[in-house]
Amino acid sequence: MNCRFTDLRHKEVISACDGTRIGFIDDVIVDTKCATVVSIVIFGRPGFFSLVGKCQDYIIPWEKIDLIGEDTVIISCQTPKPVKKPKKPRFGAKF
């Protein structure tokens, strides 16, 4: 079965272990040397009125995907832990 990124985008990801709804696919990570998809990315939810903060993103390895359905993607692992992004230095910050 062939699948495009636009087909994957906005599909809901659900854990088969506990039925937890993790979120919707927003991006994929591709290994450019091997031309393969490495993982899917679910962006963290925005904070209060999308102004204050944001939850961390989830990165799910491609090997953990059990089934890609019409509207959902089922993964075999427990709910993944969010990935903490490194903070960017602020303008004028001293080192």
PDB file of N, CA and C in Angstrom:
ATOM      1  N   MET A   1       0.834  -1.182   0.000  1.00  0.00           N
ATOM      2  CA  MET A   1       0.000   0.000   0.000  1.00  0.00           C
ATOM      3  C   MET A   1       0.877   1.243   0.000  1.00  0.00           C
ATOM      4  N   ASN A   2       0.584   2.165  -0.863  1.00  0.00           N
ATOM      5  CA  ASN A   2       1.295   3.436  -0.903  1.00  0.00           C
ATOM      6  C   ASN A   2       0.508   4.478  -0.126  1.00  0.00           C
ATOM      7  N   CYS A   3       1.240   5.407   0.477  1.00  0.00           N
ATOM      8  CA  CYS A   3       0.600   6.438   1.283  1.00  0.00           C
ATOM      9  C   CYS A   3       1.400   7.727   1.141  1.00  0.00           C
ATOM     10  N   ARG A   4       0.723   8.821   0.959  1.00  0.00           N
ATOM     11  CA  ARG A   4       1.378  10.128   0.873  1.00  0.00           C
ATOM     12  C   ARG A   4       1.346  10.802   2.235  1.00  0.00           C
ATOM     13  N   PHE A   5       2.222  11.796   2.386  1.00  0.00           N
ATOM     14  CA  PHE A   5       2.226  12.557   3.632  1.00  0.00           C
ATOM     15  C   PHE A   5       0.887  13.248   3.839  1.00  0.00           C
ATOM     16  N   THR A   6       0.306  13.755   2.765  1.00  0.00           N
ATOM     17  CA  THR A   6      -0.987  14.434   2.899  1.00  0.00           C
ATOM     18  C   THR A   6      -2.081  13.464   3.339  1.00  0.00           C
ATOM     19  N   ASP A   7      -1.915  12.173   3.039  1.00  0.00           N
ATOM     20  CA  ASP A   7      -2.870  11.174   3.517  1.00  0.00           C
ATOM     21  C   ASP A   7      -2.691  10.909   5.014  1.00  0.00           C
ATOM     22  N   LEU A   8      -1.454  10.953   5.483  1.00  0.00           N
ATOM     23  CA  LEU A   8      -1.170  10.715   6.900  1.00  0.00           C
ATOM     24  C   LEU A   8      -1.519  11.907   7.781  1.00  0.00           C
ATOM     25  N   ARG A   9      -1.298  13.086   7.247  1.00  0.00           N
ATOM     26  CA  ARG A   9      -1.481  14.306   8.029  1.00  0.00           C
ATOM     27  C   ARG A   9      -2.906  14.384   8.566  1.00  0.00           C
ATOM     28  N   HIS A  10      -3.014  14.733   9.809  1.00  0.00           N
ATOM     29  CA  HIS A  10      -4.281  14.925  10.523  1.00  0.00           C
ATOM     30  C   HIS A  10      -5.021  13.628  10.837  1.00  0.00           C
ATOM     31  N   LYS A  11      -4.351  12.474  10.710  1.00  0.00           N
ATOM     32  CA  LYS A  11      -4.960  11.232  11.194  1.00  0.00           C
ATOM     33  C   LYS A  11      -4.708  11.146  12.695  1.00  0.00           C
ATOM     34  N   GLU A  12      -5.682  10.637  13.414  1.00  0.00           N
ATOM     35  CA  GLU A  12      -5.551  10.524  14.859  1.00  0.00           C
ATOM     36  C   GLU A  12      -4.708   9.302  15.214  1.00  0.00           C
ATOM     37  N   VAL A  13      -3.819   9.462  16.195  1.00  0.00           N
ATOM     38  CA  VAL A  13      -2.947   8.379  16.648  1.00  0.00           C
ATOM     39  C   VAL A  13      -3.484   7.854  17.979  1.00  0.00           C
ATOM     40  N   ILE A  14      -3.682   6.533  18.043  1.00  0.00           N
ATOM     41  CA  ILE A  14      -4.233   5.894  19.236  1.00  0.00           C
ATOM     42  C   ILE A  14      -3.317   4.748  19.651  1.00  0.00           C
ATOM     43  N   SER A  15      -3.078   4.631  20.954  1.00  0.00           N
ATOM     44  CA  SER A  15      -2.259   3.543  21.491  1.00  0.00           C
ATOM     45  C   SER A  15      -3.106   2.283  21.618  1.00  0.00           C
ATOM     46  N   ALA A  16      -2.614   1.167  21.080  1.00  0.00           N
ATOM     47  CA  ALA A  16      -3.335  -0.103  21.164  1.00  0.00           C
ATOM     48  C   ALA A  16      -3.274  -0.692  22.568  1.00  0.00           C
ATOM     49  N   CYS A  17      -2.264  -0.321  23.352  1.00  0.00           N
ATOM     50  CA  CYS A  17      -2.103  -0.886  24.692  1.00  0.00           C
ATOM     51  C   CYS A  17      -3.199  -0.444  25.651  1.00  0.00           C
ATOM     52  N   ASP A  18      -3.470   0.867  25.670  1.00  0.00           N
ATOM     53  CA  ASP A  18      -4.442   1.376  26.636  1.00  0.00           C
ATOM     54  C   ASP A  18      -5.554   2.219  26.006  1.00  0.00           C
ATOM     55  N   GLY A  19      -5.553   2.349  24.692  1.00  0.00           N
ATOM     56  CA  GLY A  19      -6.613   3.094  24.010  1.00  0.00           C
ATOM     57  C   GLY A  19      -6.516   4.600  24.129  1.00  0.00           C
ATOM     58  N   THR A  20      -5.376   5.096  24.565  1.00  0.00           N
ATOM     59  CA  THR A  20      -5.193   6.530  24.735  1.00  0.00           C
ATOM     60  C   THR A  20      -5.119   7.234  23.392  1.00  0.00           C
ATOM     61  N   ARG A  21      -5.844   8.334  23.276  1.00  0.00           N
ATOM     62  CA  ARG A  21      -5.750   9.180  22.088  1.00  0.00           C
ATOM     63  C   ARG A  21      -4.576  10.120  22.293  1.00  0.00           C
ATOM     64  N   ILE A  22      -3.577   9.987  21.456  1.00  0.00           N
ATOM     65  CA  ILE A  22      -2.342  10.753  21.632  1.00  0.00           C
ATOM     66  C   ILE A  22      -2.420  12.099  20.932  1.00  0.00           C
ATOM     67  N   GLY A  23      -3.011  12.140  19.776  1.00  0.00           N
ATOM     68  CA  GLY A  23      -3.123  13.389  19.025  1.00  0.00           C
ATOM     69  C   GLY A  23      -3.203  13.100  17.541  1.00  0.00           C
ATOM     70  N   PHE A  24      -2.943  14.130  16.747  1.00  0.00           N
ATOM     71  CA  PHE A  24      -3.025  14.019  15.297  1.00  0.00           C
ATOM     72  C   PHE A  24      -1.645  14.210  14.682  1.00  0.00           C
ATOM     73  N   ILE A  25      -1.350  13.465  13.627  1.00  0.00           N
ATOM     74  CA  ILE A  25      -0.050  13.552  12.959  1.00  0.00           C
ATOM     75  C   ILE A  25       0.093  14.927  12.314  1.00  0.00           C
ATOM     76  N   ASP A  26       1.204  15.593  12.628  1.00  0.00           N
ATOM     77  CA  ASP A  26       1.480  16.910  12.070  1.00  0.00           C
ATOM     78  C   ASP A  26       2.678  16.916  11.136  1.00  0.00           C
ATOM     79  N   ASP A  27       3.603  15.981  11.330  1.00  0.00           N
ATOM     80  CA  ASP A  27       4.831  15.997  10.541  1.00  0.00           C
ATOM     81  C   ASP A  27       5.435  14.595  10.538  1.00  0.00           C
ATOM     82  N   VAL A  28       6.387  14.375   9.657  1.00  0.00           N
ATOM     83  CA  VAL A  28       7.149  13.126   9.627  1.00  0.00           C
ATOM     84  C   VAL A  28       8.633  13.465   9.581  1.00  0.00           C
ATOM     85  N   ILE A  29       9.452  12.558  10.081  1.00  0.00           N
ATOM     86  CA  ILE A  29      10.904  12.711  10.010  1.00  0.00           C
ATOM     87  C   ILE A  29      11.407  11.674   9.019  1.00  0.00           C
ATOM     88  N   VAL A  30      12.175  12.140   8.029  1.00  0.00           N
ATOM     89  CA  VAL A  30      12.658  11.290   6.945  1.00  0.00           C
ATOM     90  C   VAL A  30      14.176  11.198   7.000  1.00  0.00           C
ATOM     91  N   ASP A  31      14.702   9.988   6.856  1.00  0.00           N
ATOM     92  CA  ASP A  31      16.143   9.779   6.729  1.00  0.00           C
ATOM     93  C   ASP A  31      16.484   9.999   5.259  1.00  0.00           C
ATOM     94  N   THR A  32      17.162  11.090   4.957  1.00  0.00           N
ATOM     95  CA  THR A  32      17.442  11.438   3.563  1.00  0.00           C
ATOM     96  C   THR A  32      18.492  10.538   2.923  1.00  0.00           C
ATOM     97  N   LYS A  33      19.323   9.890   3.737  1.00  0.00           N
ATOM     98  CA  LYS A  33      20.331   8.996   3.172  1.00  0.00           C
ATOM     99  C   LYS A  33      19.703   7.703   2.663  1.00  0.00           C
ATOM    100  N   CYS A  34      18.728   7.194   3.404  1.00  0.00           N
ATOM    101  CA  CYS A  34      18.071   5.930   3.029  1.00  0.00           C
ATOM    102  C   CYS A  34      16.725   6.146   2.351  1.00  0.00           C
ATOM    103  N   ALA A  35      16.246   7.375   2.344  1.00  0.00           N
ATOM    104  CA  ALA A  35      14.933   7.715   1.770  1.00  0.00           C
ATOM    105  C   ALA A  35      13.809   6.918   2.422  1.00  0.00           C
ATOM    106  N   THR A  36      13.839   6.862   3.767  1.00  0.00           N
ATOM    107  CA  THR A  36      12.793   6.166   4.510  1.00  0.00           C
ATOM    108  C   THR A  36      12.232   7.067   5.605  1.00  0.00           C
ATOM    109  N   VAL A  37      10.994   6.809   5.969  1.00  0.00           N
ATOM    110  CA  VAL A  37      10.373   7.545   7.071  1.00  0.00           C
ATOM    111  C   VAL A  37      10.871   6.936   8.376  1.00  0.00           C
ATOM    112  N   VAL A  38      11.377   7.774   9.262  1.00  0.00           N
ATOM    113  CA  VAL A  38      11.932   7.320  10.524  1.00  0.00           C
ATOM    114  C   VAL A  38      10.881   7.372  11.631  1.00  0.00           C
ATOM    115  N   SER A  39      10.114   8.456  11.685  1.00  0.00           N
ATOM    116  CA  SER A  39       9.124   8.604  12.741  1.00  0.00           C
ATOM    117  C   SER A  39       8.055   9.615  12.347  1.00  0.00           C
ATOM    118  N   ILE A  40       6.979   9.611  13.131  1.00  0.00           N
ATOM    119  CA  ILE A  40       5.927  10.608  12.948  1.00  0.00           C
ATOM    120  C   ILE A  40       5.978  11.571  14.122  1.00  0.00           C
ATOM    121  N   VAL A  41       5.516  12.793  13.907  1.00  0.00           N
ATOM    122  CA  VAL A  41       5.565  13.825  14.931  1.00  0.00           C
ATOM    123  C   VAL A  41       4.154  14.327  15.198  1.00  0.00           C
ATOM    124  N   ILE A  42       3.831  14.435  16.480  1.00  0.00           N
ATOM    125  CA  ILE A  42       2.576  15.028  16.913  1.00  0.00           C
ATOM    126  C   ILE A  42       2.946  16.268  17.707  1.00  0.00           C
ATOM    127  N   PHE A  43       2.551  17.429  17.212  1.00  0.00           N
ATOM    128  CA  PHE A  43       2.887  18.678  17.888  1.00  0.00           C
ATOM    129  C   PHE A  43       2.124  18.784  19.204  1.00  0.00           C
ATOM    130  N   GLY A  44       2.765  19.420  20.187  1.00  0.00           N
ATOM    131  CA  GLY A  44       2.109  19.659  21.466  1.00  0.00           C
ATOM    132  C   GLY A  44       0.979  20.660  21.311  1.00  0.00           C
ATOM    133  N   ARG A  45       0.023  20.552  22.180  1.00  0.00           N
ATOM    134  CA  ARG A  45      -1.122  21.466  22.129  1.00  0.00           C
ATOM    135  C   ARG A  45      -0.706  22.849  22.599  1.00  0.00           C
ATOM    136  N   PRO A  46      -1.286  23.890  21.996  1.00  0.00           N
ATOM    137  CA  PRO A  46      -0.955  25.246  22.443  1.00  0.00           C
ATOM    138  C   PRO A  46      -1.507  25.507  23.839  1.00  0.00           C
ATOM    139  N   GLY A  47      -0.894  26.463  24.515  1.00  0.00           N
ATOM    140  CA  GLY A  47      -1.319  26.818  25.863  1.00  0.00           C
ATOM    141  C   GLY A  47      -2.535  27.726  25.860  1.00  0.00           C
ATOM    142  N   PHE A  48      -2.680  28.487  26.902  1.00  0.00           N
ATOM    143  CA  PHE A  48      -3.817  29.374  27.131  1.00  0.00           C
ATOM    144  C   PHE A  48      -3.989  30.360  25.983  1.00  0.00           C
ATOM    145  N   PHE A  49      -5.084  30.272  25.252  1.00  0.00           N
ATOM    146  CA  PHE A  49      -5.398  31.133  24.103  1.00  0.00           C
ATOM    147  C   PHE A  49      -4.270  31.164  23.071  1.00  0.00           C
ATOM    148  N   SER A  50      -3.490  30.105  22.995  1.00  0.00           N
ATOM    149  CA  SER A  50      -2.350  29.995  22.077  1.00  0.00           C
ATOM    150  C   SER A  50      -1.295  31.061  22.321  1.00  0.00           C
ATOM    151  N   LEU A  51      -1.337  31.693  23.481  1.00  0.00           N
ATOM    152  CA  LEU A  51      -0.386  32.761  23.788  1.00  0.00           C
ATOM    153  C   LEU A  51       0.671  32.315  24.791  1.00  0.00           C
ATOM    154  N   VAL A  52       0.263  31.544  25.768  1.00  0.00           N
ATOM    155  CA  VAL A  52       1.160  31.196  26.857  1.00  0.00           C
ATOM    156  C   VAL A  52       1.562  29.732  26.760  1.00  0.00           C
ATOM    157  N   GLY A  53       2.811  29.494  26.447  1.00  0.00           N
ATOM    158  CA  GLY A  53       3.366  28.148  26.459  1.00  0.00           C
ATOM    159  C   GLY A  53       2.771  27.190  25.447  1.00  0.00           C
ATOM    160  N   LYS A  54       3.326  26.000  25.436  1.00  0.00           N
ATOM    161  CA  LYS A  54       2.886  24.940  24.543  1.00  0.00           C
ATOM    162  C   LYS A  54       3.382  23.627  25.120  1.00  0.00           C
ATOM    163  N   CYS A  55       2.543  22.601  25.028  1.00  0.00           N
ATOM    164  CA  CYS A  55       2.976  21.275  25.480  1.00  0.00           C
ATOM    165  C   CYS A  55       4.065  20.763  24.538  1.00  0.00           C
ATOM    166  N   GLN A  56       4.810  19.805  25.017  1.00  0.00           N
ATOM    167  CA  GLN A  56       5.912  19.268  24.220  1.00  0.00           C
ATOM    168  C   GLN A  56       5.399  18.318  23.142  1.00  0.00           C
ATOM    169  N   ASP A  57       6.210  18.143  22.104  1.00  0.00           N
ATOM    170  CA  ASP A  57       5.848  17.294  20.972  1.00  0.00           C
ATOM    171  C   ASP A  57       6.083  15.818  21.299  1.00  0.00           C
ATOM    172  N   TYR A  58       5.369  14.944  20.576  1.00  0.00           N
ATOM    173  CA  TYR A  58       5.576  13.505  20.654  1.00  0.00           C
ATOM    174  C   TYR A  58       6.244  13.052  19.364  1.00  0.00           C
ATOM    175  N   ILE A  59       7.281  12.239  19.489  1.00  0.00           N
ATOM    176  CA  ILE A  59       7.930  11.639  18.324  1.00  0.00           C
ATOM    177  C   ILE A  59       7.790  10.127  18.471  1.00  0.00           C
ATOM    178  N   ILE A  60       7.104   9.513  17.503  1.00  0.00           N
ATOM    179  CA  ILE A  60       6.812   8.085  17.564  1.00  0.00           C
ATOM    180  C   ILE A  60       7.561   7.378  16.439  1.00  0.00           C
ATOM    181  N   PRO A  61       8.433   6.411  16.779  1.00  0.00           N
ATOM    182  CA  PRO A  61       9.183   5.687  15.739  1.00  0.00           C
ATOM    183  C   PRO A  61       8.247   4.951  14.782  1.00  0.00           C
ATOM    184  N   TRP A  62       8.634   4.906  13.533  1.00  0.00           N
ATOM    185  CA  TRP A  62       7.827   4.262  12.492  1.00  0.00           C
ATOM    186  C   TRP A  62       7.580   2.786  12.806  1.00  0.00           C
ATOM    187  N   GLU A  63       8.546   2.128  13.449  1.00  0.00           N
ATOM    188  CA  GLU A  63       8.415   0.709  13.771  1.00  0.00           C
ATOM    189  C   GLU A  63       7.282   0.438  14.755  1.00  0.00           C
ATOM    190  N   LYS A  64       6.860   1.433  15.505  1.00  0.00           N
ATOM    191  CA  LYS A  64       5.803   1.261  16.502  1.00  0.00           C
ATOM    192  C   LYS A  64       4.407   1.331  15.891  1.00  0.00           C
ATOM    193  N   ILE A  65       4.306   1.664  14.607  1.00  0.00           N
ATOM    194  CA  ILE A  65       3.000   1.760  13.955  1.00  0.00           C
ATOM    195  C   ILE A  65       2.524   0.356  13.584  1.00  0.00           C
ATOM    196  N   ASP A  66       1.337  -0.009  14.085  1.00  0.00           N
ATOM    197  CA  ASP A  66       0.742  -1.317  13.792  1.00  0.00           C
ATOM    198  C   ASP A  66      -0.163  -1.262  12.576  1.00  0.00           C
ATOM    199  N   LEU A  67      -0.972  -0.214  12.498  1.00  0.00           N
ATOM    200  CA  LEU A  67      -2.002  -0.158  11.471  1.00  0.00           C
ATOM    201  C   LEU A  67      -2.275   1.285  11.077  1.00  0.00           C
ATOM    202  N   ILE A  68      -2.378   1.521   9.775  1.00  0.00           N
ATOM    203  CA  ILE A  68      -2.795   2.828   9.268  1.00  0.00           C
ATOM    204  C   ILE A  68      -4.170   2.630   8.657  1.00  0.00           C
ATOM    205  N   GLY A  69      -5.179   3.188   9.318  1.00  0.00           N
ATOM    206  CA  GLY A  69      -6.550   3.036   8.862  1.00  0.00           C
ATOM    207  C   GLY A  69      -7.031   4.253   8.094  1.00  0.00           C
ATOM    208  N   GLU A  70      -8.328   4.287   7.848  1.00  0.00           N
ATOM    209  CA  GLU A  70      -8.946   5.384   7.097  1.00  0.00           C
ATOM    210  C   GLU A  70      -8.798   6.721   7.824  1.00  0.00           C
ATOM    211  N   ASP A  71      -9.064   6.720   9.143  1.00  0.00           N
ATOM    212  CA  ASP A  71      -9.023   7.956   9.925  1.00  0.00           C
ATOM    213  C   ASP A  71      -8.025   7.920  11.069  1.00  0.00           C
ATOM    214  N   THR A  72      -7.512   6.743  11.411  1.00  0.00           N
ATOM    215  CA  THR A  72      -6.649   6.621  12.577  1.00  0.00           C
ATOM    216  C   THR A  72      -5.386   5.823  12.276  1.00  0.00           C
ATOM    217  N   VAL A  73      -4.405   6.014  13.153  1.00  0.00           N
ATOM    218  CA  VAL A  73      -3.162   5.240  13.125  1.00  0.00           C
ATOM    219  C   VAL A  73      -3.041   4.577  14.493  1.00  0.00           C
ATOM    220  N   ILE A  74      -2.878   3.267  14.508  1.00  0.00           N
ATOM    221  CA  ILE A  74      -2.759   2.515  15.758  1.00  0.00           C
ATOM    222  C   ILE A  74      -1.286   2.207  15.993  1.00  0.00           C
ATOM    223  N   ILE A  75      -0.801   2.543  17.214  1.00  0.00           N
ATOM    224  CA  ILE A  75       0.594   2.258  17.557  1.00  0.00           C
ATOM    225  C   ILE A  75       0.636   1.183  18.633  1.00  0.00           C
ATOM    226  N   SER A  76       1.726   0.415  18.661  1.00  0.00           N
ATOM    227  CA  SER A  76       1.831  -0.733  19.561  1.00  0.00           C
ATOM    228  C   SER A  76       2.412  -0.391  20.922  1.00  0.00           C
ATOM    229  N   CYS A  77       2.922   0.797  21.100  1.00  0.00           N
ATOM    230  CA  CYS A  77       3.584   1.128  22.355  1.00  0.00           C
ATOM    231  C   CYS A  77       2.635   1.857  23.301  1.00  0.00           C
ATOM    232  N   GLN A  78       3.059   1.962  24.537  1.00  0.00           N
ATOM    233  CA  GLN A  78       2.337   2.769  25.517  1.00  0.00           C
ATOM    234  C   GLN A  78       2.361   4.220  25.040  1.00  0.00           C
ATOM    235  N   THR A  79       1.623   5.061  25.712  1.00  0.00           N
ATOM    236  CA  THR A  79       1.625   6.472  25.356  1.00  0.00           C
ATOM    237  C   THR A  79       3.055   6.991  25.466  1.00  0.00           C
ATOM    238  N   PRO A  80       3.606   7.520  24.368  1.00  0.00           N
ATOM    239  CA  PRO A  80       5.003   7.972  24.405  1.00  0.00           C
ATOM    240  C   PRO A  80       5.172   9.198  25.287  1.00  0.00           C
ATOM    241  N   LYS A  81       6.380   9.373  25.775  1.00  0.00           N
ATOM    242  CA  LYS A  81       6.679  10.558  26.579  1.00  0.00           C
ATOM    243  C   LYS A  81       7.005  11.706  25.640  1.00  0.00           C
ATOM    244  N   PRO A  82       6.585  12.916  26.004  1.00  0.00           N
ATOM    245  CA  PRO A  82       6.891  14.070  25.151  1.00  0.00           C
ATOM    246  C   PRO A  82       8.395  14.303  25.054  1.00  0.00           C
ATOM    247  N   VAL A  83       8.812  14.837  23.920  1.00  0.00           N
ATOM    248  CA  VAL A  83      10.219  15.146  23.682  1.00  0.00           C
ATOM    249  C   VAL A  83      10.446  16.609  24.014  1.00  0.00           C
ATOM    250  N   LYS A  84      11.420  16.863  24.871  1.00  0.00           N
ATOM    251  CA  LYS A  84      11.714  18.230  25.279  1.00  0.00           C
ATOM    252  C   LYS A  84      12.615  18.877  24.246  1.00  0.00           C
ATOM    253  N   LYS A  85      12.188  20.021  23.744  1.00  0.00           N
ATOM    254  CA  LYS A  85      12.985  20.748  22.760  1.00  0.00           C
ATOM    255  C   LYS A  85      14.006  21.625  23.474  1.00  0.00           C
ATOM    256  N   PRO A  86      15.198  21.747  22.905  1.00  0.00           N
ATOM    257  CA  PRO A  86      16.171  22.667  23.500  1.00  0.00           C
ATOM    258  C   PRO A  86      15.705  24.104  23.317  1.00  0.00           C
ATOM    259  N   LYS A  87      15.908  24.905  24.347  1.00  0.00           N
ATOM    260  CA  LYS A  87      15.484  26.304  24.264  1.00  0.00           C
ATOM    261  C   LYS A  87      16.469  27.098  23.426  1.00  0.00           C
ATOM    262  N   LYS A  88      15.922  27.999  22.629  1.00  0.00           N
ATOM    263  CA  LYS A  88      16.755  28.876  21.817  1.00  0.00           C
ATOM    264  C   LYS A  88      17.203  30.051  22.678  1.00  0.00           C
ATOM    265  N   PRO A  89      18.449  30.496  22.497  1.00  0.00           N
ATOM    266  CA  PRO A  89      18.890  31.656  23.270  1.00  0.00           C
ATOM    267  C   PRO A  89      18.113  32.897  22.846  1.00  0.00           C
ATOM    268  N   ARG A  90      17.780  33.697  23.818  1.00  0.00           N
ATOM    269  CA  ARG A  90      17.045  34.926  23.531  1.00  0.00           C
ATOM    270  C   ARG A  90      17.985  35.993  22.999  1.00  0.00           C
ATOM    271  N   PHE A  91      17.422  36.911  22.263  1.00  0.00           N
ATOM    272  CA  PHE A  91      18.204  38.002  21.702  1.00  0.00           C
ATOM    273  C   PHE A  91      18.837  38.796  22.835  1.00  0.00           C
ATOM    274  N   GLY A  92      20.120  38.995  22.753  1.00  0.00           N
ATOM    275  CA  GLY A  92      20.831  39.781  23.754  1.00  0.00           C
ATOM    276  C   GLY A  92      21.189  38.998  25.003  1.00  0.00           C
ATOM    277  N   ALA A  93      20.982  37.690  24.992  1.00  0.00           N
ATOM    278  CA  ALA A  93      21.306  36.882  26.166  1.00  0.00           C
ATOM    279  C   ALA A  93      22.820  36.777  26.316  1.00  0.00           C
ATOM    280  N   LYS A  94      23.266  36.817  27.554  1.00  0.00           N
ATOM    281  CA  LYS A  94      24.698  36.703  27.825  1.00  0.00           C
ATOM    282  C   LYS A  94      25.047  35.245  28.054  1.00  0.00           C
ATOM    283  N   PHE A  95      26.217  34.850  27.599  1.00  0.00           N
ATOM    284  CA  PHE A  95      26.653  33.461  27.749  1.00  0.00           C
ATOM    285  C   PHE A  95      27.652  33.332  28.843  1.00  0.00           C
TER     286      PHE A  95
END
